[in-house]
Amino acid sequence: MYKVTGTDPAGRTLAFACGTDEQALEKTWELAGRGFRNISVADPKGREMSAIAFERSLDFDYD
């Protein structure tokens, strides 16, 4: 399970559980679009990284 965290515009830190890396990536995009900041992702092994680093670590083909 992936855990996506971010700080909303009101300053609250919220966490979201995602079952796959693709869902986690989409959640980071959604949160950024909603004005969240300090978005990070923890992978199933517990390694935490920024949303940008997480996106770069995935080997997705963007068509």
Foldseek 3Di string as FASTA:
>chain_A
DKKKWWAAPVGDIDIDDDDDLVRNLVVVVVRVVRPTPQIWMQDPVRDIDHSVVSVVVDDDDDD
